[in-house]
Protein backbone atom coordinates (compact mmCIF):
# COMPACT_ATOMS: atom_id res chain seq x y z
CA MET A 1 19.71 146.23 70.03
CA GLN A 2 17.43 145.33 67.10
CA ARG A 3 13.94 144.21 68.10
CA VAL A 4 12.68 141.41 65.88
CA SER A 5 9.33 141.29 67.57
CA SER A 6 7.93 143.17 70.52
CA ASN A 7 9.38 140.56 72.86
CA LEU A 8 12.59 139.23 71.22
CA SER A 9 15.97 140.82 70.61
CA LEU A 10 18.19 139.66 67.78
CA LYS A 11 20.48 138.02 70.34
CA GLN A 12 17.55 136.08 71.84
CA LEU A 13 16.35 135.09 68.38
CA TYR A 14 19.72 133.47 67.72
CA GLU A 15 19.11 131.06 70.60
CA ILE A 16 15.62 130.18 69.37
CA ASP A 17 15.82 130.16 65.55
CA ASP A 18 19.25 130.64 64.00
CA HIS A 19 17.85 130.60 60.45
CA LEU A 20 15.49 133.48 61.19
CA TRP A 21 18.36 135.22 63.01
CA LEU A 22 20.44 134.89 59.83
CA GLU A 23 17.66 136.37 57.69
CA GLU A 24 17.29 139.33 60.07
CA THR A 25 21.06 139.82 60.16
CA ILE A 26 21.22 139.91 56.37
CA LYS A 27 18.44 142.49 56.29
CA LEU A 28 20.37 144.67 58.74
CA LEU A 29 23.57 144.34 56.71
CA LYS A 30 21.79 145.24 53.48
CA ALA A 31 20.20 148.25 55.16
CA ASN A 32 23.64 149.26 56.51
CA LYS A 33 22.28 149.17 60.09
CA LEU A 34 25.54 147.94 61.48
CA GLY A 35 24.89 149.25 64.98
CA GLU A 36 21.91 146.95 65.34
CA LEU A 37 23.82 143.75 64.56
CA ASP A 38 24.32 140.95 67.06
CA LEU A 39 28.09 141.09 66.59
CA GLU A 40 28.99 138.38 69.10
CA ASN A 41 26.94 135.72 67.33
CA LEU A 42 27.77 137.08 63.88
CA ILE A 43 31.50 136.72 64.57
CA GLU A 44 30.96 133.21 65.94
CA GLU A 45 29.00 132.19 62.83
CA LEU A 46 31.64 133.60 60.48
CA GLU A 47 34.38 131.72 62.33
CA ASN A 48 32.33 128.52 62.17
CA PHE A 49 31.73 129.06 58.46
CA GLY A 50 35.48 129.11 57.81
CA ARG A 51 36.06 125.98 59.91
CA ARG A 52 33.26 124.12 58.11
CA ASP A 53 34.74 124.94 54.71
CA LYS A 54 38.17 123.71 55.78
CA ALA A 55 36.76 120.54 57.30
CA LYS A 56 34.75 119.83 54.16
CA VAL A 57 37.66 120.18 51.72
CA ALA A 58 39.97 118.22 54.03
CA SER A 59 37.41 115.41 54.20
CA LEU A 60 37.06 115.30 50.43
CA LEU A 61 40.84 115.22 49.98
CA GLU A 62 41.14 112.44 52.55
CA GLN A 63 38.56 110.42 50.60
CA ILE A 64 40.56 110.88 47.39
CA ILE A 65 43.74 109.67 49.09
CA ARG A 66 41.97 106.69 50.69
CA HIS A 67 40.61 105.51 47.38
CA LEU A 68 43.88 106.09 45.54
CA LEU A 69 45.73 104.02 48.12
CA LEU A 70 43.15 101.24 47.89
CA LEU A 71 43.24 101.33 44.10
CA GLN A 72 47.01 101.35 43.88
CA TYR A 73 48.00 98.96 46.65
CA TRP A 74 45.17 96.55 47.49
CA THR A 75 45.69 94.32 44.48
CA GLU A 76 43.78 91.34 45.89
CA GLU A 77 40.60 93.43 45.96
CA SER A 78 41.17 95.56 42.87
CA GLN A 79 39.51 93.08 40.50
CA TYR A 80 36.21 93.55 42.34
CA ASN A 81 36.48 97.14 43.50
CA SER A 82 38.65 99.15 41.10
CA GLY A 83 35.69 100.52 39.14
CA HIS A 84 34.03 101.71 42.32
CA TRP A 85 37.25 103.23 43.67
CA LYS A 86 37.90 105.09 40.40
CA ALA A 87 34.35 106.43 40.35
CA GLU A 88 34.69 107.58 43.96
CA ILE A 89 37.97 109.34 43.19
CA ARG A 90 36.34 111.15 40.28
CA SER A 91 33.32 112.12 42.38
CA PHE A 92 35.40 113.46 45.26
CA ARG A 93 37.66 115.37 42.88
CA ASN A 94 34.66 116.96 41.19
CA GLN A 95 33.15 117.94 44.53
CA LEU A 96 36.44 119.40 45.68
CA LYS A 97 36.85 121.31 42.42
CA ARG A 98 33.54 123.06 43.12
CA GLN A 99 34.58 124.01 46.67
CA ILE A 100 38.21 125.02 46.27
CA THR A 101 39.37 128.61 46.61
CA THR A 102 42.91 129.99 46.76
CA ASN A 103 42.71 130.14 50.55
CA LEU A 104 41.38 126.57 50.84
CA TYR A 105 44.02 125.30 48.39
CA GLN A 106 46.73 126.80 50.60
CA TYR A 107 45.08 125.24 53.64
CA LEU A 108 45.15 121.81 51.97
CA GLU A 109 48.80 122.27 51.00
CA ASN A 110 49.67 123.01 54.63
CA GLU A 111 47.61 120.10 55.96
CA LEU A 112 48.44 117.50 53.30
CA ALA A 113 50.75 115.43 55.52
CA SER A 114 48.19 115.29 58.32
CA ILE A 115 45.33 114.47 55.93
CA TYR A 116 47.48 111.73 54.40
CA ASP A 117 48.18 110.26 57.84
CA ASP A 118 44.45 110.10 58.53
CA ALA A 119 43.79 108.43 55.17
CA LEU A 120 46.64 105.98 55.74
CA GLY A 121 45.23 104.99 59.13
CA TYR A 122 41.84 104.36 57.53
CA VAL A 123 43.34 102.17 54.79
CA ILE A 124 45.37 100.19 57.31
CA ASP A 125 42.21 99.56 59.35
CA LYS A 126 40.11 98.77 56.26
CA THR A 127 42.62 96.23 54.97
CA GLU A 128 43.17 94.86 58.49
CA GLY A 129 46.87 95.60 58.18
CA LYS A 130 47.30 93.24 55.21
CA LEU A 131 49.16 95.81 53.15
CA ASP A 132 52.82 96.22 54.04
CA ASN A 133 53.70 98.27 50.97
CA LEU A 134 51.83 101.49 51.81
CA PRO A 135 54.01 104.61 51.75
CA GLN A 136 54.32 106.09 55.23
CA PHE A 137 54.52 109.59 53.78
CA CYS A 138 52.44 111.19 51.06
CA THR A 139 53.88 110.55 47.61
CA TYR A 140 51.28 112.71 45.85
CA THR A 141 51.34 116.42 45.22
CA LEU A 142 48.17 118.35 45.86
CA GLU A 143 48.01 119.15 42.15
CA GLN A 144 48.03 115.42 41.33
CA LEU A 145 45.34 114.69 43.90
CA LEU A 146 43.05 117.37 42.51
CA ASP A 147 43.59 116.58 38.82
CA THR A 148 40.05 115.89 37.54
CA ALA A 149 41.39 115.24 34.02
CA ASP A 150 43.64 112.41 35.22
CA CYS A 151 42.20 109.17 33.87
CA ASN A 152 45.34 107.17 34.57
CA LEU A 153 44.93 107.22 38.33
CA VAL A 154 47.75 104.84 39.15
CA ARG A 155 50.52 106.74 37.40
CA TYR A 156 51.50 108.39 40.68
CA ARG A 157 52.23 105.11 42.40
CA SER A 158 55.57 105.14 44.10
CA SER A 159 57.97 102.42 43.14
């Protein structure tokens, strides 16, 4: 196993300083010293990396849906909050645009119903159940939700 110092192995370094462990791991990869890698922790980190990406894009999409629902259905508050909600939608769309890959797009397509349910629950709690016209199922396509050029945000409102 790779010795980072005279007293620490790469595996031990991971427990003490994961950033330094990452730097050492990158050096080993670049030097093609694959036999010296701490594979157990490397695999764990790669798996975590994928989960973090999925959680991040799902969170951004949920925020878009929350704000669209508030904008489209909470009419008593729209006079005071519509500008903020529109700006938030734009911001979350832009952030998502920077993060999205083909794989993450497919993940969001598969999880859209679940993400919508989470957003719906939030909106119901936020409005204290005052809205009885919220769609129980997602009426948006993923393409519509991600459309950063869409300035007419309410055109997807279900009738």
